[in-house]
Amino acid sequence: GLCHQDMCPLVDGCGNKIGELNARGGYHQSCDLRNWADGISLSAFNLLRYAEMGVPRWDDGELEEELRWGIDYFCRISSGSNYVYDSQFVPIGWGPRRYYARPAALGAQANVVMLFSRAARFFAKKDPAYAERLLDRARKIFVQMEENPFFGKAQPSGELPLPGGSQPWERFYRFNYRTTALGFSQRGGAALELFRTTGEARYAELARQYGGEALRRAK
């Protein structure tokens, strides 16, 4: 059934409300309302990969409808600044959702770029205008990944201290910045999907370059 229909507070680093965000859509994460952009984007990506395999016999347009429901959520939470807003909010459970007026981790941005880019290919003939909007958003988020100073150094996750059971994520997020092995692999994956969709050589060169940098740092 319908869920995630509410307008959500957009807050600054001190937790003060500075606006509202239309965060309709998307899927649950761990039976709560966090909708974490990094993991949930992969869920939508996997659904997209399944749809690419061919229309199942039971489908009556519902698969594309589900894809749009998941994808449009990421369009909404990246509409204000051309990056995906951070949603690492607590408490765990059915508490209120709120979003931070700062980017989610680099990996979340990369996952959403890959999702938008691949979805643009999927919808290119079905809905060209929608596909073009997704590709335009993917390009803009990728520029943020490349140029925004936020992604140039380690950033703490949303609210600290993190709730019980999620402390290990703090160590994970420390490595979500441009010049780590993880950062290069994330940017390389995003560039590769953009190349597959656009055919533009500059994205292929970035994917090759970042893949090599990731391998060198992983030795």
C-alpha atoms as a PDB file:
ATOM      1  CA  GLY A   1       0.000   0.000   0.000  1.00  0.00           C
ATOM      2  CA  LEU A   2       0.935   3.673  -0.123  1.00  0.00           C
ATOM      3  CA  CYS A   3       3.490   4.826   2.405  1.00  0.00           C
ATOM      4  CA  HIS A   4       6.106   7.543   2.733  1.00  0.00           C
ATOM      5  CA  GLN A   5       3.570  10.179   1.700  1.00  0.00           C
ATOM      6  CA  ASP A   6       4.621  12.869   4.164  1.00  0.00           C
ATOM      7  CA  MET A   7       6.600  16.036   3.643  1.00  0.00           C
ATOM      8  CA  CYS A   8       9.828  15.728   5.631  1.00  0.00           C
ATOM      9  CA  PRO A   9      11.835  18.331   7.521  1.00  0.00           C
ATOM     10  CA  LEU A  10      15.087  19.447   5.918  1.00  0.00           C
ATOM     11  CA  VAL A  11      17.490  20.296   8.732  1.00  0.00           C
ATOM     12  CA  ASP A  12      20.912  21.883   9.086  1.00  0.00           C
ATOM     13  CA  GLY A  13      23.912  20.443  10.920  1.00  0.00           C
ATOM     14  CA  CYS A  14      22.490  21.521  14.268  1.00  0.00           C
ATOM     15  CA  GLY A  15      19.161  19.827  13.660  1.00  0.00           C
ATOM     16  CA  ASN A  16      17.277  23.065  13.005  1.00  0.00           C
ATOM     17  CA  LYS A  17      14.524  22.912  10.405  1.00  0.00           C
ATOM     18  CA  ILE A  18      15.371  25.043   7.381  1.00  0.00           C
ATOM     19  CA  GLY A  19      12.737  23.775   4.964  1.00  0.00           C
ATOM     20  CA  GLU A  20      10.675  20.838   3.815  1.00  0.00           C
ATOM     21  CA  LEU A  21      11.465  18.080   1.366  1.00  0.00           C
ATOM     22  CA  ASN A  22       9.042  16.059  -0.717  1.00  0.00           C
ATOM     23  CA  ALA A  23      10.352  12.573   0.050  1.00  0.00           C
ATOM     24  CA  ARG A  24       7.440  10.556  -1.292  1.00  0.00           C
ATOM     25  CA  GLY A  25       8.211   7.132  -2.663  1.00  0.00           C
ATOM     26  CA  GLY A  26      11.076   4.750  -2.177  1.00  0.00           C
ATOM     27  CA  TYR A  27      11.261   1.595  -0.133  1.00  0.00           C
ATOM     28  CA  HIS A  28      11.835   0.630   3.478  1.00  0.00           C
ATOM     29  CA  GLN A  29      15.253  -0.128   4.925  1.00  0.00           C
ATOM     30  CA  SER A  30      15.420  -2.651   7.769  1.00  0.00           C
ATOM     31  CA  CYS A  31      11.708  -2.349   8.593  1.00  0.00           C
ATOM     32  CA  ASP A  32      11.912   1.364   9.369  1.00  0.00           C
ATOM     33  CA  LEU A  33      11.564   4.666   7.560  1.00  0.00           C
ATOM     34  CA  ARG A  34      15.169   5.653   7.041  1.00  0.00           C
ATOM     35  CA  ASN A  35      15.268   4.965   3.281  1.00  0.00           C
ATOM     36  CA  TRP A  36      19.055   5.079   3.349  1.00  0.00           C
ATOM     37  CA  ALA A  37      20.166   6.146  -0.103  1.00  0.00           C
ATOM     38  CA  ASP A  38      23.130   3.798  -0.397  1.00  0.00           C
ATOM     39  CA  GLY A  39      21.391   0.469   0.242  1.00  0.00           C
ATOM     40  CA  ILE A  40      17.921   1.269  -1.051  1.00  0.00           C
ATOM     41  CA  SER A  41      19.328   2.531  -4.361  1.00  0.00           C
ATOM     42  CA  LEU A  42      20.895  -0.894  -4.878  1.00  0.00           C
ATOM     43  CA  SER A  43      17.511  -2.523  -4.288  1.00  0.00           C
ATOM     44  CA  ALA A  44      16.004  -0.389  -7.054  1.00  0.00           C
ATOM     45  CA  PHE A  45      19.032  -1.124  -9.261  1.00  0.00           C
ATOM     46  CA  ASN A  46      18.511  -4.855  -8.830  1.00  0.00           C
ATOM     47  CA  LEU A  47      14.827  -4.492  -9.721  1.00  0.00           C
ATOM     48  CA  LEU A  48      15.912  -2.633 -12.850  1.00  0.00           C
ATOM     49  CA  ARG A  49      18.324  -5.426 -13.766  1.00  0.00           C
ATOM     50  CA  TYR A  50      15.462  -7.916 -13.401  1.00  0.00           C
ATOM     51  CA  ALA A  51      13.240  -5.798 -15.639  1.00  0.00           C
ATOM     52  CA  GLU A  52      15.967  -5.761 -18.297  1.00  0.00           C
ATOM     53  CA  MET A  53      15.769  -9.548 -18.532  1.00  0.00           C
ATOM     54  CA  GLY A  54      12.388  -9.303 -20.227  1.00  0.00           C
ATOM     55  CA  VAL A  55       8.767  -8.757 -19.289  1.00  0.00           C
ATOM     56  CA  PRO A  56       7.608 -11.613 -17.048  1.00  0.00           C
ATOM     57  CA  ARG A  57       4.307 -13.236 -17.935  1.00  0.00           C
ATOM     58  CA  TRP A  58       2.594 -11.968 -14.801  1.00  0.00           C
ATOM     59  CA  ASP A  59       3.557  -8.352 -15.387  1.00  0.00           C
ATOM     60  CA  ASP A  60       0.893  -5.895 -16.525  1.00  0.00           C
ATOM     61  CA  GLY A  61       2.931  -2.726 -16.407  1.00  0.00           C
ATOM     62  CA  GLU A  62       3.432  -3.112 -12.667  1.00  0.00           C
ATOM     63  CA  LEU A  63       7.173  -3.639 -12.918  1.00  0.00           C
ATOM     64  CA  GLU A  64       7.720  -0.289 -14.614  1.00  0.00           C
ATOM     65  CA  GLU A  65       5.385   1.337 -12.100  1.00  0.00           C
ATOM     66  CA  GLU A  66       7.467  -0.090  -9.248  1.00  0.00           C
ATOM     67  CA  LEU A  67      10.662   1.137 -10.869  1.00  0.00           C
ATOM     68  CA  ARG A  68       9.291   4.650 -11.162  1.00  0.00           C
ATOM     69  CA  TRP A  69       8.131   4.565  -7.534  1.00  0.00           C
ATOM     70  CA  GLY A  70      11.655   3.735  -6.381  1.00  0.00           C
ATOM     71  CA  ILE A  71      13.507   5.946  -8.839  1.00  0.00           C
ATOM     72  CA  ASP A  72      11.329   9.032  -8.365  1.00  0.00           C
ATOM     73  CA  TYR A  73      12.174   9.012  -4.667  1.00  0.00           C
ATOM     74  CA  PHE A  74      15.824   9.620  -5.509  1.00  0.00           C
ATOM     75  CA  CYS A  75      14.817  12.326  -7.980  1.00  0.00           C
ATOM     76  CA  ARG A  76      12.972  14.113  -5.202  1.00  0.00           C
ATOM     77  CA  ILE A  77      15.754  13.885  -2.625  1.00  0.00           C
ATOM     78  CA  SER A  78      18.331  15.191  -5.108  1.00  0.00           C
ATOM     79  CA  SER A  79      16.266  18.002  -6.573  1.00  0.00           C
ATOM     80  CA  GLY A  80      17.409  20.856  -4.354  1.00  0.00           C
ATOM     81  CA  SER A  81      21.178  20.822  -4.812  1.00  0.00           C
ATOM     82  CA  ASN A  82      21.899  18.230  -7.510  1.00  0.00           C
ATOM     83  CA  TYR A  83      23.203  15.765  -4.964  1.00  0.00           C
ATOM     84  CA  VAL A  84      21.366  13.151  -2.912  1.00  0.00           C
ATOM     85  CA  TYR A  85      20.505  14.513   0.528  1.00  0.00           C
ATOM     86  CA  ASP A  86      21.798  12.682   3.569  1.00  0.00           C
ATOM     87  CA  SER A  87      19.181  10.586   5.330  1.00  0.00           C
ATOM     88  CA  GLN A  88      21.230   8.869   8.050  1.00  0.00           C
ATOM     89  CA  PHE A  89      18.671   9.772  10.621  1.00  0.00           C
ATOM     90  CA  VAL A  90      17.740   8.067  13.878  1.00  0.00           C
ATOM     91  CA  PRO A  91      15.903   6.846  15.904  1.00  0.00           C
ATOM     92  CA  ILE A  92      15.566   3.393  14.466  1.00  0.00           C
ATOM     93  CA  GLY A  93      11.910   2.457  14.276  1.00  0.00           C
ATOM     94  CA  TRP A  94       8.820   4.296  13.167  1.00  0.00           C
ATOM     95  CA  GLY A  95       9.980   7.721  14.236  1.00  0.00           C
ATOM     96  CA  PRO A  96       9.820  10.819  12.044  1.00  0.00           C
ATOM     97  CA  ARG A  97      11.901  11.042   8.937  1.00  0.00           C
ATOM     98  CA  ARG A  98      14.147  14.021   8.348  1.00  0.00           C
ATOM     99  CA  TYR A  99      16.879  14.860   5.878  1.00  0.00           C
ATOM    100  CA  TYR A 100      20.082  16.845   6.204  1.00  0.00           C
ATOM    101  CA  ALA A 101      20.908  19.763   3.913  1.00  0.00           C
ATOM    102  CA  ARG A 102      24.199  18.108   3.003  1.00  0.00           C
ATOM    103  CA  PRO A 103      25.162  15.234   0.690  1.00  0.00           C
ATOM    104  CA  ALA A 104      24.830  11.581   1.552  1.00  0.00           C
ATOM    105  CA  ALA A 105      28.058   9.595   1.360  1.00  0.00           C
ATOM    106  CA  LEU A 106      29.908   9.362  -1.956  1.00  0.00           C
ATOM    107  CA  GLY A 107      28.833   5.748  -2.413  1.00  0.00           C
ATOM    108  CA  ALA A 108      25.168   6.719  -2.255  1.00  0.00           C
ATOM    109  CA  GLN A 109      25.736   9.347  -4.941  1.00  0.00           C
ATOM    110  CA  ALA A 110      27.501   6.795  -7.150  1.00  0.00           C
ATOM    111  CA  ASN A 111      24.745   4.215  -6.722  1.00  0.00           C
ATOM    112  CA  VAL A 112      22.071   6.737  -7.681  1.00  0.00           C
ATOM    113  CA  VAL A 113      24.063   7.865 -10.735  1.00  0.00           C
ATOM    114  CA  MET A 114      24.312   4.224 -11.838  1.00  0.00           C
ATOM    115  CA  LEU A 115      20.587   3.734 -11.218  1.00  0.00           C
ATOM    116  CA  PHE A 116      19.557   6.857 -13.146  1.00  0.00           C
ATOM    117  CA  SER A 117      21.955   6.151 -16.020  1.00  0.00           C
ATOM    118  CA  ARG A 118      20.838   2.570 -16.482  1.00  0.00           C
ATOM    119  CA  ALA A 119      17.170   3.485 -16.054  1.00  0.00           C
ATOM    120  CA  ALA A 120      17.595   6.123 -18.767  1.00  0.00           C
ATOM    121  CA  ARG A 121      18.560   3.319 -21.165  1.00  0.00           C
ATOM    122  CA  PHE A 122      15.629   1.201 -20.027  1.00  0.00           C
ATOM    123  CA  PHE A 123      13.072   3.975 -20.503  1.00  0.00           C
ATOM    124  CA  ALA A 124      14.645   5.495 -23.634  1.00  0.00           C
ATOM    125  CA  LYS A 125      12.017   4.068 -25.993  1.00  0.00           C
ATOM    126  CA  LYS A 126       9.197   3.673 -23.466  1.00  0.00           C
ATOM    127  CA  ASP A 127       9.276   7.272 -22.220  1.00  0.00           C
ATOM    128  CA  PRO A 128      12.018   9.372 -23.847  1.00  0.00           C
ATOM    129  CA  ALA A 129      11.254  12.525 -21.853  1.00  0.00           C
ATOM    130  CA  TYR A 130      11.487  10.624 -18.561  1.00  0.00           C
ATOM    131  CA  ALA A 131      14.726   8.969 -19.685  1.00  0.00           C
ATOM    132  CA  GLU A 132      16.233  12.334 -20.542  1.00  0.00           C
ATOM    133  CA  ARG A 133      15.323  13.757 -17.128  1.00  0.00           C
ATOM    134  CA  LEU A 134      17.001  10.804 -15.413  1.00  0.00           C
ATOM    135  CA  LEU A 135      20.136  11.145 -17.503  1.00  0.00           C
ATOM    136  CA  ASP A 136      20.299  14.884 -16.855  1.00  0.00           C
ATOM    137  CA  ARG A 137      20.064  14.254 -13.111  1.00  0.00           C
ATOM    138  CA  ALA A 138      22.746  11.545 -13.307  1.00  0.00           C
ATOM    139  CA  ARG A 139      25.113  13.945 -15.051  1.00  0.00           C
ATOM    140  CA  LYS A 140      24.543  16.676 -12.481  1.00  0.00           C
ATOM    141  CA  ILE A 141      25.090  14.367  -9.501  1.00  0.00           C
ATOM    142  CA  PHE A 142      28.264  13.052 -11.134  1.00  0.00           C
ATOM    143  CA  VAL A 143      29.589  16.622 -11.433  1.00  0.00           C
ATOM    144  CA  GLN A 144      28.978  17.031  -7.702  1.00  0.00           C
ATOM    145  CA  MET A 145      30.890  13.806  -7.032  1.00  0.00           C
ATOM    146  CA  GLU A 146      33.819  15.190  -9.002  1.00  0.00           C
ATOM    147  CA  GLU A 147      33.837  18.802  -7.822  1.00  0.00           C
ATOM    148  CA  ASN A 148      32.039  19.270  -4.498  1.00  0.00           C
ATOM    149  CA  PRO A 149      34.595  19.819  -1.689  1.00  0.00           C
ATOM    150  CA  PHE A 150      32.371  17.745   0.620  1.00  0.00           C
ATOM    151  CA  PHE A 151      33.581  14.578  -1.116  1.00  0.00           C
ATOM    152  CA  GLY A 152      37.260  15.529  -0.850  1.00  0.00           C
ATOM    153  CA  LYS A 153      37.696  14.302   2.721  1.00  0.00           C
ATOM    154  CA  ALA A 154      36.220  11.855   5.212  1.00  0.00           C
ATOM    155  CA  GLN A 155      32.833  12.844   6.615  1.00  0.00           C
ATOM    156  CA  PRO A 156      31.018  11.465   9.659  1.00  0.00           C
ATOM    157  CA  SER A 157      27.688   9.775   9.068  1.00  0.00           C
ATOM    158  CA  GLY A 158      24.488  11.692   9.836  1.00  0.00           C
ATOM    159  CA  GLU A 159      23.750  11.664  13.551  1.00  0.00           C
ATOM    160  CA  LEU A 160      26.260  10.734  16.223  1.00  0.00           C
ATOM    161  CA  PRO A 161      26.398   8.691  18.276  1.00  0.00           C
ATOM    162  CA  LEU A 162      24.999   6.088  15.936  1.00  0.00           C
ATOM    163  CA  PRO A 163      22.295   3.828  17.371  1.00  0.00           C
ATOM    164  CA  GLY A 164      23.056   0.365  18.685  1.00  0.00           C
ATOM    165  CA  GLY A 165      24.060  -2.158  16.047  1.00  0.00           C
ATOM    166  CA  SER A 166      25.065   0.418  13.455  1.00  0.00           C
ATOM    167  CA  GLN A 167      28.379   1.626  14.888  1.00  0.00           C
ATOM    168  CA  PRO A 168      30.435  -0.335  12.313  1.00  0.00           C
ATOM    169  CA  TRP A 169      29.008   1.933   9.618  1.00  0.00           C
ATOM    170  CA  GLU A 170      30.953   4.826  11.061  1.00  0.00           C
ATOM    171  CA  ARG A 171      34.208   3.112  10.066  1.00  0.00           C
ATOM    172  CA  PHE A 172      32.762   2.373   6.633  1.00  0.00           C
ATOM    173  CA  TYR A 173      31.781   5.960   5.910  1.00  0.00           C
ATOM    174  CA  ARG A 174      35.249   7.255   6.750  1.00  0.00           C
ATOM    175  CA  PHE A 175      36.468   5.873   3.427  1.00  0.00           C
ATOM    176  CA  ASN A 176      33.714   7.395   1.290  1.00  0.00           C
ATOM    177  CA  TYR A 177      35.725  10.183  -0.296  1.00  0.00           C
ATOM    178  CA  ARG A 178      37.269  10.748  -3.690  1.00  0.00           C
ATOM    179  CA  THR A 179      40.895   9.675  -3.310  1.00  0.00           C
ATOM    180  CA  THR A 180      40.487   6.357  -1.478  1.00  0.00           C
ATOM    181  CA  ALA A 181      40.328   2.988  -3.250  1.00  0.00           C
ATOM    182  CA  LEU A 182      36.628   2.894  -2.418  1.00  0.00           C
ATOM    183  CA  GLY A 183      36.097   6.404  -3.720  1.00  0.00           C
ATOM    184  CA  PHE A 184      37.819   5.671  -7.024  1.00  0.00           C
ATOM    185  CA  SER A 185      35.853   2.452  -7.522  1.00  0.00           C
ATOM    186  CA  GLN A 186      32.572   4.232  -6.760  1.00  0.00           C
ATOM    187  CA  ARG A 187      33.318   7.024  -9.208  1.00  0.00           C
ATOM    188  CA  GLY A 188      34.512   4.528 -11.795  1.00  0.00           C
ATOM    189  CA  GLY A 189      31.275   2.556 -11.606  1.00  0.00           C
ATOM    190  CA  ALA A 190      29.228   5.726 -12.034  1.00  0.00           C
ATOM    191  CA  ALA A 191      31.354   6.850 -14.987  1.00  0.00           C
ATOM    192  CA  LEU A 192      31.023   3.443 -16.646  1.00  0.00           C
ATOM    193  CA  GLU A 193      27.224   3.511 -16.519  1.00  0.00           C
ATOM    194  CA  LEU A 194      27.217   7.042 -17.899  1.00  0.00           C
ATOM    195  CA  PHE A 195      29.432   5.887 -20.757  1.00  0.00           C
ATOM    196  CA  ARG A 196      27.165   2.935 -21.519  1.00  0.00           C
ATOM    197  CA  THR A 197      24.198   5.284 -21.729  1.00  0.00           C
ATOM    198  CA  THR A 198      25.744   8.254 -23.536  1.00  0.00           C
ATOM    199  CA  GLY A 199      28.611   6.718 -25.502  1.00  0.00           C
ATOM    200  CA  GLU A 200      30.732   9.730 -24.533  1.00  0.00           C
ATOM    201  CA  ALA A 201      34.428   8.865 -24.500  1.00  0.00           C
ATOM    202  CA  ARG A 202      35.197  11.118 -21.556  1.00  0.00           C
ATOM    203  CA  TYR A 203      33.209   8.862 -19.251  1.00  0.00           C
ATOM    204  CA  ALA A 204      34.978   5.769 -20.575  1.00  0.00           C
ATOM    205  CA  GLU A 205      38.355   7.398 -19.915  1.00  0.00           C
ATOM    206  CA  LEU A 206      37.347   8.332 -16.375  1.00  0.00           C
ATOM    207  CA  ALA A 207      36.130   4.776 -15.723  1.00  0.00           C
ATOM    208  CA  ARG A 208      39.469   3.394 -16.963  1.00  0.00           C
ATOM    209  CA  GLN A 209      41.481   5.905 -14.962  1.00  0.00           C
ATOM    210  CA  TYR A 210      39.538   5.429 -11.734  1.00  0.00           C
ATOM    211  CA  GLY A 211      39.597   1.653 -12.039  1.00  0.00           C
ATOM    212  CA  GLY A 212      43.373   1.757 -12.282  1.00  0.00           C
ATOM    213  CA  GLU A 213      43.665   4.068  -9.292  1.00  0.00           C
ATOM    214  CA  ALA A 214      41.404   1.810  -7.226  1.00  0.00           C
ATOM    215  CA  LEU A 215      43.551  -1.224  -8.057  1.00  0.00           C
ATOM    216  CA  ARG A 216      46.767   0.586  -7.153  1.00  0.00           C
ATOM    217  CA  ARG A 217      45.404   1.592  -3.777  1.00  0.00           C
ATOM    218  CA  ALA A 218      44.009  -1.863  -3.084  1.00  0.00           C
ATOM    219  CA  LYS A 219      47.389  -3.607  -3.362  1.00  0.00           C
END
